Amino acid sequence: MERLVKFEVLGQEYPLYTDASEEDVAEILDLVKSQFESYARSASSLPVNKLAILTSINMAGKYVKLKKDFELYKIRVDAIVGKVNDRLDKVTEPVE
């Protein structure tokens, strides 16, 4: 069920409607907050909207890398499963 969650970053409050679990919301908001505050420390002269864009781009870049890494992982696992299946087929072939 969708609900309103409010969170604060750098002294500003933001509303968010979500149906994610409490644990997921907490993890997501902690990640966003830490990324945002990290940029704020290193580029304190930037306005909040630019910090938000930098944070979004950074997180999107991490997401794209993770997605590619996962695709490679699936390819490798599929190859291993295929080899295991081939070996099992050879071992279980009926003897004539």
Protein backbone atom coordinates (compact mmCIF):
# COMPACT_ATOMS: atom_id res chain seq x y z
CA MET A 1 0.00 0.00 0.00
CA GLU A 2 1.42 3.36 -1.00
CA ARG A 3 2.18 5.80 1.80
CA LEU A 4 3.81 9.17 2.28
CA VAL A 5 7.37 9.18 3.59
CA LYS A 6 9.14 12.41 4.47
CA PHE A 7 12.90 12.62 4.65
CA GLU A 8 15.42 15.36 5.25
CA VAL A 9 18.64 16.06 3.37
CA LEU A 10 20.85 19.05 4.14
CA GLY A 11 18.12 20.69 6.18
CA GLN A 12 15.43 20.40 3.51
CA GLU A 13 12.44 18.08 3.83
CA TYR A 14 11.18 16.07 0.86
CA PRO A 15 7.93 14.09 0.57
CA LEU A 16 7.93 10.75 -1.23
CA TYR A 17 5.06 8.37 -1.95
CA THR A 18 6.14 4.74 -1.95
CA ASP A 19 4.93 1.21 -1.46
CA ALA A 20 8.40 -0.09 -0.58
CA SER A 21 8.93 -1.80 2.77
CA GLU A 22 10.14 0.20 5.76
CA GLU A 23 13.52 -1.55 5.55
CA ASP A 24 13.89 -0.75 1.84
CA VAL A 25 12.86 2.86 2.35
CA ALA A 26 15.39 3.25 5.17
CA GLU A 27 18.17 1.72 3.05
CA ILE A 28 17.29 3.84 0.00
CA LEU A 29 17.09 7.07 1.97
CA ASP A 30 20.35 6.34 3.79
CA LEU A 31 22.09 5.76 0.46
CA VAL A 32 20.68 8.92 -1.12
CA LYS A 33 21.49 10.96 1.97
CA SER A 34 25.07 9.72 2.20
CA GLN A 35 25.70 10.30 -1.52
CA PHE A 36 24.14 13.74 -1.41
CA GLU A 37 26.02 14.79 1.72
CA SER A 38 29.27 13.45 0.28
CA TYR A 39 28.90 15.75 -2.72
CA ALA A 40 27.88 18.62 -0.47
CA ARG A 41 31.12 18.27 1.53
CA SER A 42 33.32 18.19 -1.56
CA ALA A 43 31.47 20.90 -3.48
CA SER A 44 29.91 23.02 -0.76
CA SER A 45 29.59 26.07 -3.00
CA LEU A 46 27.18 24.35 -5.40
CA PRO A 47 23.45 25.02 -5.05
CA VAL A 48 21.28 22.18 -3.78
CA ASN A 49 19.67 21.55 -7.17
CA LYS A 50 23.09 20.99 -8.79
CA LEU A 51 24.12 18.70 -5.93
CA ALA A 52 20.93 16.73 -6.53
CA ILE A 53 21.73 16.36 -10.23
CA LEU A 54 25.31 15.24 -9.51
CA THR A 55 24.03 12.74 -6.97
CA SER A 56 21.45 11.41 -9.45
CA ILE A 57 24.05 11.03 -12.19
CA ASN A 58 26.47 9.30 -9.82
CA MET A 59 23.83 6.86 -8.60
CA ALA A 60 22.58 6.21 -12.14
CA GLY A 61 26.16 5.43 -13.20
CA LYS A 62 26.50 2.95 -10.34
CA TYR A 63 23.17 1.38 -11.31
CA VAL A 64 24.21 0.96 -14.96
CA LYS A 65 27.52 -0.64 -13.92
CA LEU A 66 25.73 -2.98 -11.51
CA LYS A 67 23.21 -3.92 -14.21
CA LYS A 68 26.03 -4.74 -16.66
CA ASP A 69 27.92 -6.71 -14.00
CA PHE A 70 24.75 -8.68 -13.25
CA GLU A 71 24.22 -9.47 -16.93
CA LEU A 72 27.80 -10.81 -17.16
CA TYR A 73 27.21 -12.82 -13.99
CA LYS A 74 24.07 -14.38 -15.48
CA ILE A 75 25.95 -15.30 -18.67
CA ARG A 76 28.71 -16.95 -16.65
CA VAL A 77 26.25 -18.84 -14.45
CA ASP A 78 24.29 -20.02 -17.50
CA ALA A 79 27.53 -21.31 -19.06
CA ILE A 80 28.44 -23.18 -15.87
CA VAL A 81 24.95 -24.66 -15.57
CA GLY A 82 25.14 -25.74 -19.21
CA LYS A 83 28.45 -27.55 -18.59
CA VAL A 84 27.07 -29.24 -15.48
CA ASN A 85 23.97 -30.36 -17.40
CA ASP A 86 26.15 -31.75 -20.21
CA ARG A 87 28.19 -33.74 -17.70
CA LEU A 88 25.06 -35.03 -16.00
CA ASP A 89 23.63 -36.07 -19.37
CA LYS A 90 26.82 -38.04 -20.13
CA VAL A 91 26.80 -39.73 -16.74
CA THR A 92 23.12 -40.65 -16.91
CA GLU A 93 23.10 -41.91 -20.55
CA PRO A 94 21.68 -45.40 -20.73
CA VAL A 95 24.21 -48.12 -21.44
CA GLU A 96 23.30 -50.36 -24.40
